[in-house]
Amino acid sequence: MDGKSKVGYINREELVERIRRQFSPEYAEFLLVQMGYSPQVCPKCGSGSFTTLWLAKPNDAIDGKMWAKWYFWCDKCFSGIRCPLGTWRIPRTTPYILHGDEKALVAALPENLKLIPLKLVPQK
């Protein structure tokens, strides 16, 4: 190694294309809506109302932000996804439930939630 690291940046269109190549079409469309890269319209039923449930550990907060995972679903048809691999940083002021609190998670998730399986598309 020469000690120099390379940082590559991609634009919005490249990111959207990577997501569509990496995940199954159904999962990718929900992820793009959650990330704000697609219109806020449910790919299943056309509703525009969604909920994101954050699961975080506040004891790991850095500069007012904490690491979190999430569940995201349509409030009408209850189709949704879980956070793909990795974690996201959210402001400490974001409403959340404690990561690892299974009772709180069960109580917070809709009873009829239909999670779309996280399917990675094999890369060629």
Protein backbone atom coordinates (compact mmCIF):
# COMPACT_ATOMS: atom_id res chain seq x y z
CA MET A 1 0.00 0.00 0.00
CA ASP A 2 1.25 3.47 -0.80
CA GLY A 3 -0.49 5.01 2.22
CA LYS A 4 -2.88 6.99 0.07
CA SER A 5 -6.55 6.19 0.28
CA LYS A 6 -8.96 6.91 -2.51
CA VAL A 7 -12.40 8.25 -1.78
CA GLY A 8 -14.93 7.84 -4.53
CA TYR A 9 -18.16 9.76 -4.75
CA ILE A 10 -21.21 8.84 -6.75
CA ASN A 11 -24.14 10.98 -7.75
CA ARG A 12 -27.80 10.37 -6.92
CA GLU A 13 -28.55 8.56 -10.19
CA GLU A 14 -25.60 6.17 -9.67
CA LEU A 15 -26.72 5.45 -6.11
CA VAL A 16 -30.28 4.70 -7.23
CA GLU A 17 -28.98 2.39 -9.96
CA ARG A 18 -26.71 0.54 -7.50
CA ILE A 19 -29.61 0.00 -5.11
CA ARG A 20 -31.77 -1.34 -7.92
CA ARG A 21 -28.97 -3.73 -8.98
CA GLN A 22 -28.15 -4.86 -5.43
CA PHE A 23 -31.63 -5.59 -4.04
CA SER A 24 -34.73 -7.35 -5.34
CA PRO A 25 -37.04 -4.95 -7.24
CA GLU A 26 -39.74 -4.98 -4.55
CA TYR A 27 -37.29 -4.30 -1.71
CA ALA A 28 -35.34 -1.68 -3.70
CA GLU A 29 -38.45 0.38 -4.44
CA PHE A 30 -39.37 0.60 -0.74
CA LEU A 31 -35.77 1.44 0.20
CA LEU A 32 -35.66 4.24 -2.36
CA VAL A 33 -38.89 5.70 -0.96
CA GLN A 34 -37.50 5.49 2.59
CA MET A 35 -34.26 7.19 1.57
CA GLY A 36 -36.12 9.97 -0.26
CA TYR A 37 -34.84 9.00 -3.73
CA SER A 38 -38.28 8.03 -5.06
CA PRO A 39 -41.63 9.79 -4.73
CA GLN A 40 -43.31 9.21 -1.36
CA VAL A 41 -45.83 6.80 -2.86
CA CYS A 42 -46.25 3.17 -1.78
CA PRO A 43 -45.07 0.85 -4.57
CA LYS A 44 -47.81 -1.62 -3.56
CA CYS A 45 -50.96 0.45 -3.01
CA GLY A 46 -50.20 4.03 -4.02
CA SER A 47 -50.70 5.53 -0.55
CA GLY A 48 -48.49 8.41 0.51
CA SER A 49 -48.42 7.74 4.25
CA PHE A 50 -45.47 5.92 5.82
CA THR A 51 -43.99 5.23 9.24
CA THR A 52 -40.33 4.79 10.13
CA LEU A 53 -39.70 3.12 13.46
CA TRP A 54 -36.16 3.79 14.68
CA LEU A 55 -34.27 1.41 16.97
CA ALA A 56 -31.28 3.12 18.57
CA LYS A 57 -28.71 2.95 21.35
CA PRO A 58 -28.40 6.43 22.86
CA ASN A 59 -25.30 5.53 24.86
CA ASP A 60 -23.29 5.54 21.60
CA ALA A 61 -24.20 9.12 20.64
CA ILE A 62 -21.46 11.14 18.95
CA ASP A 63 -21.89 14.85 18.24
CA GLY A 64 -25.60 14.63 19.03
CA LYS A 65 -26.21 11.69 16.68
CA MET A 66 -26.65 8.01 17.44
CA TRP A 67 -26.44 4.82 15.41
CA ALA A 68 -29.78 3.25 14.57
CA LYS A 69 -31.61 0.68 12.50
CA TRP A 70 -35.21 1.02 11.34
CA TYR A 71 -38.43 -0.52 10.12
CA PHE A 72 -40.35 1.33 7.38
CA TRP A 73 -43.89 0.58 6.23
CA CYS A 74 -46.91 1.92 4.39
CA ASP A 75 -49.65 2.99 6.79
CA LYS A 76 -52.40 1.79 4.45
CA CYS A 77 -51.37 -1.68 3.19
CA PHE A 78 -48.77 -2.38 5.93
CA SER A 79 -46.14 -3.55 3.44
CA GLY A 80 -42.66 -2.61 4.51
CA ILE A 81 -38.98 -3.38 4.98
CA ARG A 82 -36.33 -3.65 7.66
CA CYS A 83 -33.10 -1.71 7.52
CA PRO A 84 -30.61 -3.41 5.20
CA LEU A 85 -27.15 -4.25 6.45
CA GLY A 86 -25.44 -1.56 8.49
CA THR A 87 -26.72 1.31 10.58
CA TRP A 88 -27.74 4.92 10.04
CA ARG A 89 -26.94 8.03 12.09
CA ILE A 90 -29.91 9.94 13.45
CA PRO A 91 -30.19 13.03 15.67
CA ARG A 92 -30.52 12.20 19.36
CA THR A 93 -33.85 14.07 19.29
CA THR A 94 -35.42 11.57 16.84
CA PRO A 95 -38.13 9.43 18.51
CA TYR A 96 -36.92 5.82 18.84
CA ILE A 97 -37.21 2.65 20.84
CA LEU A 98 -34.20 1.06 22.48
CA HIS A 99 -32.37 -1.33 20.15
CA GLY A 100 -32.65 -4.83 21.65
CA ASP A 101 -35.89 -4.19 23.56
CA GLU A 102 -37.95 -6.96 21.96
CA LYS A 103 -41.10 -6.22 23.98
CA ALA A 104 -41.10 -2.58 22.87
CA LEU A 105 -40.45 -3.65 19.27
CA VAL A 106 -43.37 -6.08 19.22
CA ALA A 107 -45.63 -3.45 20.79
CA ALA A 108 -44.57 -0.77 18.27
CA LEU A 109 -44.83 -2.80 15.04
CA PRO A 110 -48.26 -3.15 13.43
CA GLU A 111 -49.77 -6.58 14.00
CA ASN A 112 -50.44 -7.06 10.28
CA LEU A 113 -47.07 -5.81 8.99
CA LYS A 114 -45.96 -7.65 5.84
CA LEU A 115 -42.19 -7.37 5.61
CA ILE A 116 -40.64 -7.69 2.18
CA PRO A 117 -37.67 -10.06 2.47
CA LEU A 118 -34.23 -8.56 2.07
CA LYS A 119 -32.97 -10.27 -1.06
CA LEU A 120 -29.59 -9.34 -2.43
CA VAL A 121 -29.22 -9.81 -6.15
CA PRO A 122 -26.11 -11.86 -7.04
CA GLN A 123 -23.56 -9.64 -8.77
CA LYS A 124 -22.14 -10.77 -12.07
